[in-house]
Amino acid sequence: MSKVLAISGTINQTDSRSLEMMKQFLKAYKNANISDEIIYLDLNQESMAIMSLSSNNLEEFYNHENSVKYIQQLKSVDKVVIAAPMHNFKSTGQLVNYVDHIAVPNLTFSYQNPLPNGNPRGLLNHLKVQILATRGGELTSNSWADHTIWLKGVWEFMGATVAEPIFIGSLDLPKNYKVSAESIVKEYLPIIEGAAKNF
C-alpha cells in the first residue's frame, strides 16, 4: 500500500480547473489502487502557507510547526500530487511558501554528500511527484513564464522522480473563459486517467 499526499496550491475554490484536474486524477488513481491512502493538504488551510520568508521571521519560519513537520510528512508518504495554477507568471504564493519551508539543507537536500557530477544530493528520492498545472494564457517558448519548469526542477533538486506534468492552458482566453471546469477538464480525461493509472 502506498501513501499519496495531494497538495492543493489553488486559491480559487469555485469551479477551479486545477482542483477539477486533481479530483479526476485522484478518482482514476484510486480506481486503479484501491488500497492506497490519500492524504489531502489544502495550503489555504495552513498558516505556514501565508508566511513569506523575511529577515524578521527566520527562526519561526524553519521551526518544527512551520517547516519540519511538513518535511516529516513528505518523508512518510510515497507519492505527491500537486494542483498548481499559475498566478502572475509563477505558482501561487501558498505553493511558493510551502516550497520555501520544505527546501531545507540537510533535510530535503544536501551539499555534504554531493552527486558524482558535483550537484547537491536530493534526500526525497523515495518520492514520485505528479504536477497538475493550469494557466490562463497560452504556453509560449518563454521558459521564465512556465511555472511548471520551476516546480518540476525544485522537486527533482530534492531528489524526487517527477512524472511528465499535465498542463492545461489558454483558460482565460475568450473561447474558454466562461466554460466550466468540468467541461474543460473532460477534454483531457484520457491523458489524466492514463497518467493516474501509471502513477
Protein backbone atom coordinates (compact mmCIF):
# COMPACT_ATOMS: atom_id res chain seq x y z
CA MET A 1 0.00 0.00 0.00
CA SER A 2 1.25 3.47 -0.91
CA LYS A 3 0.52 6.81 0.73
CA VAL A 4 -0.29 9.70 -1.58
CA LEU A 5 -0.10 13.35 -0.48
CA ALA A 6 -2.43 15.54 -2.56
CA ILE A 7 -1.35 19.19 -2.25
CA SER A 8 -3.65 21.97 -3.39
CA GLY A 9 -1.87 25.20 -4.21
CA THR A 10 -5.11 26.59 -5.63
CA ILE A 11 -6.60 29.89 -4.40
CA ASN A 12 -9.88 29.76 -6.31
CA GLN A 13 -12.23 27.24 -4.72
CA THR A 14 -15.18 27.81 -7.09
CA ASP A 15 -15.19 25.97 -10.41
CA SER A 16 -11.39 25.61 -10.26
CA ARG A 17 -9.78 23.93 -13.24
CA SER A 18 -6.74 22.77 -11.25
CA LEU A 19 -8.93 21.30 -8.49
CA GLU A 20 -11.04 19.54 -11.11
CA MET A 21 -7.84 18.08 -12.57
CA MET A 22 -6.86 16.88 -9.09
CA LYS A 23 -10.32 15.40 -8.50
CA GLN A 24 -10.29 13.44 -11.76
CA PHE A 25 -6.67 12.34 -11.34
CA LEU A 26 -7.27 11.03 -7.82
CA LYS A 27 -10.52 9.35 -8.85
CA ALA A 28 -8.72 7.41 -11.60
CA TYR A 29 -5.77 6.71 -9.31
CA LYS A 30 -7.99 5.35 -6.55
CA ASN A 31 -9.84 3.12 -9.01
CA ALA A 32 -6.52 1.59 -10.01
CA ASN A 33 -5.05 1.49 -6.48
CA ILE A 34 -7.94 0.71 -4.15
CA SER A 35 -5.86 0.06 -1.03
CA ASP A 36 -3.71 3.20 -1.26
CA GLU A 37 -4.21 6.01 1.25
CA ILE A 38 -4.73 9.58 0.02
CA ILE A 39 -3.91 12.47 2.36
CA TYR A 40 -5.17 15.95 1.43
CA LEU A 41 -3.21 19.12 2.16
CA ASP A 42 -5.05 22.32 1.24
CA LEU A 43 -2.49 25.09 1.60
CA ASN A 44 -5.30 27.61 2.09
CA GLN A 45 -5.86 25.98 5.48
CA GLU A 46 -2.20 26.01 6.57
CA SER A 47 -0.95 29.11 8.39
CA MET A 48 2.57 28.28 7.20
CA ALA A 49 1.50 28.82 3.59
CA ILE A 50 0.72 32.51 4.10
CA MET A 51 4.09 33.13 5.76
CA SER A 52 6.72 34.57 3.41
CA LEU A 53 10.37 34.37 4.43
CA SER A 54 11.91 37.60 5.70
CA SER A 55 14.73 38.73 7.97
CA ASN A 56 12.16 39.10 10.75
CA ASN A 57 10.92 35.52 10.88
CA LEU A 58 13.87 33.21 10.15
CA GLU A 59 13.64 31.30 13.44
CA GLU A 60 9.87 30.92 13.25
CA PHE A 61 9.91 30.10 9.54
CA TYR A 62 12.02 26.95 9.95
CA ASN A 63 10.72 25.71 13.30
CA HIS A 64 9.00 22.37 13.76
CA GLU A 65 5.46 23.66 13.34
CA ASN A 66 6.07 25.58 10.11
CA SER A 67 8.77 23.52 8.42
CA VAL A 68 9.95 20.27 9.98
CA LYS A 69 6.51 18.67 10.35
CA TYR A 70 5.82 19.19 6.63
CA ILE A 71 9.18 17.66 5.74
CA GLN A 72 8.40 14.71 8.01
CA GLN A 73 5.07 14.35 6.23
CA LEU A 74 6.86 14.17 2.87
CA LYS A 75 9.19 11.51 4.24
CA SER A 76 6.19 9.47 5.42
CA VAL A 77 4.47 9.29 2.02
CA ASP A 78 5.38 7.65 -1.28
CA LYS A 79 3.79 9.94 -3.84
CA VAL A 80 2.81 13.60 -4.18
CA VAL A 81 0.16 15.09 -6.47
CA ILE A 82 0.13 18.89 -6.79
CA ALA A 83 -2.63 21.16 -8.12
CA ALA A 84 -0.61 24.11 -9.40
CA PRO A 85 -2.31 27.01 -11.18
CA MET A 86 -0.26 29.93 -12.44
CA HIS A 87 -0.59 33.33 -10.75
CA ASN A 88 1.34 36.26 -12.19
CA PHE A 89 3.78 34.06 -14.12
CA LYS A 90 4.58 31.80 -11.14
CA SER A 91 2.97 29.31 -8.80
CA THR A 92 0.58 30.71 -6.20
CA GLY A 93 2.05 32.36 -3.12
CA GLN A 94 0.91 29.48 -0.91
CA LEU A 95 2.75 26.95 -3.04
CA VAL A 96 5.89 29.09 -3.21
CA ASN A 97 5.84 29.48 0.58
CA TYR A 98 5.33 25.74 1.01
CA VAL A 99 8.40 25.04 -1.12
CA ASP A 100 10.40 27.61 0.85
CA HIS A 101 9.50 25.80 4.08
CA ILE A 102 10.43 22.32 2.85
CA ALA A 103 13.55 23.06 0.76
CA VAL A 104 15.96 22.90 3.70
CA PRO A 105 19.65 21.88 3.53
CA ASN A 106 20.39 18.52 5.18
CA LEU A 107 16.67 17.74 5.47
CA THR A 108 15.49 17.57 1.86
CA PHE A 109 18.80 18.08 0.03
CA SER A 110 22.47 18.08 0.97
CA TYR A 111 25.67 19.74 -0.16
CA GLN A 112 27.68 17.50 2.19
CA ASN A 113 27.38 14.33 0.10
CA PRO A 114 27.13 15.61 -3.49
CA LEU A 115 26.31 13.56 -6.55
CA PRO A 116 29.21 12.43 -8.78
CA ASN A 117 28.59 15.45 -11.02
CA GLY A 118 29.00 17.79 -8.06
CA ASN A 119 25.34 18.72 -7.74
CA PRO A 120 23.66 18.61 -4.31
CA ARG A 121 22.10 15.28 -3.38
CA GLY A 122 18.32 15.22 -3.05
CA LEU A 123 17.09 13.49 0.08
CA LEU A 124 13.50 12.87 -1.08
CA ASN A 125 14.48 10.24 -3.62
CA HIS A 126 11.74 7.89 -2.42
CA LEU A 127 9.06 10.26 -3.78
CA LYS A 128 7.24 10.22 -7.08
CA VAL A 129 5.57 13.54 -7.98
CA GLN A 130 2.79 14.44 -10.40
CA ILE A 131 2.20 18.12 -11.23
CA LEU A 132 -1.25 19.19 -12.47
CA ALA A 133 -0.75 22.68 -13.88
CA THR A 134 -3.10 25.29 -15.29
CA ARG A 135 -2.58 28.69 -16.86
CA GLY A 136 -4.80 31.50 -18.09
CA GLY A 137 -2.71 32.22 -21.18
CA GLU A 138 -1.12 30.08 -23.83
CA LEU A 139 2.12 28.27 -23.14
CA THR A 140 4.87 30.02 -25.05
CA SER A 141 8.56 29.36 -25.57
CA ASN A 142 9.39 31.83 -22.76
CA SER A 143 10.65 29.48 -20.05
CA TRP A 144 10.57 32.27 -17.46
CA ALA A 145 6.79 32.23 -17.77
CA ASP A 146 6.36 28.48 -17.31
CA HIS A 147 5.80 27.76 -13.62
CA THR A 148 5.88 24.02 -14.27
CA ILE A 149 9.59 24.21 -15.17
CA TRP A 150 10.36 25.77 -11.77
CA LEU A 151 8.13 23.38 -9.86
CA LYS A 152 9.46 20.27 -11.64
CA GLY A 153 13.04 21.46 -11.12
CA VAL A 154 12.56 22.06 -7.40
CA TRP A 155 11.22 18.56 -6.75
CA GLU A 156 13.93 16.97 -8.89
CA PHE A 157 16.54 19.02 -6.99
CA MET A 158 15.20 17.45 -3.78
CA GLY A 159 15.60 14.00 -5.31
CA ALA A 160 12.04 13.17 -6.34
CA THR A 161 11.14 11.46 -9.58
CA VAL A 162 8.75 13.82 -11.38
CA ALA A 163 6.28 12.39 -13.89
CA GLU A 164 5.58 14.42 -17.01
CA PRO A 165 3.49 17.37 -15.82
CA ILE A 166 -0.06 17.58 -17.12
CA PHE A 167 -0.79 21.09 -18.35
CA ILE A 168 -3.98 22.87 -19.41
CA GLY A 169 -3.56 26.39 -20.75
CA SER A 170 -5.43 29.21 -22.51
CA LEU A 171 -8.08 29.11 -19.77
CA ASP A 172 -8.67 32.86 -19.60
CA LEU A 173 -8.88 33.36 -23.36
CA PRO A 174 -12.38 34.16 -24.72
CA LYS A 175 -13.02 30.63 -26.00
CA ASN A 176 -12.57 29.13 -22.52
CA TYR A 177 -13.24 31.96 -20.07
CA LYS A 178 -16.85 31.02 -19.25
CA VAL A 179 -16.53 27.28 -19.85
CA SER A 180 -16.94 25.20 -16.68
CA ALA A 181 -14.01 23.45 -15.10
CA GLU A 182 -15.71 20.10 -15.59
CA SER A 183 -16.15 20.71 -19.32
CA ILE A 184 -12.58 21.93 -19.76
CA VAL A 185 -11.02 19.03 -17.90
CA LYS A 186 -13.27 16.47 -19.61
CA GLU A 187 -11.33 17.02 -22.85
CA TYR A 188 -8.12 15.99 -21.08
CA LEU A 189 -9.53 12.96 -19.24
CA PRO A 190 -7.72 10.35 -21.37
CA ILE A 191 -4.36 11.99 -20.54
CA ILE A 192 -5.22 12.48 -16.86
CA GLU A 193 -6.62 8.97 -16.39
CA GLY A 194 -3.70 7.38 -18.23
CA ALA A 195 -1.18 9.24 -16.09
CA ALA A 196 -3.08 8.34 -12.90
CA LYS A 197 -3.14 4.63 -13.70
CA ASN A 198 0.63 4.64 -14.29
CA PHE A 199 1.50 6.79 -11.29
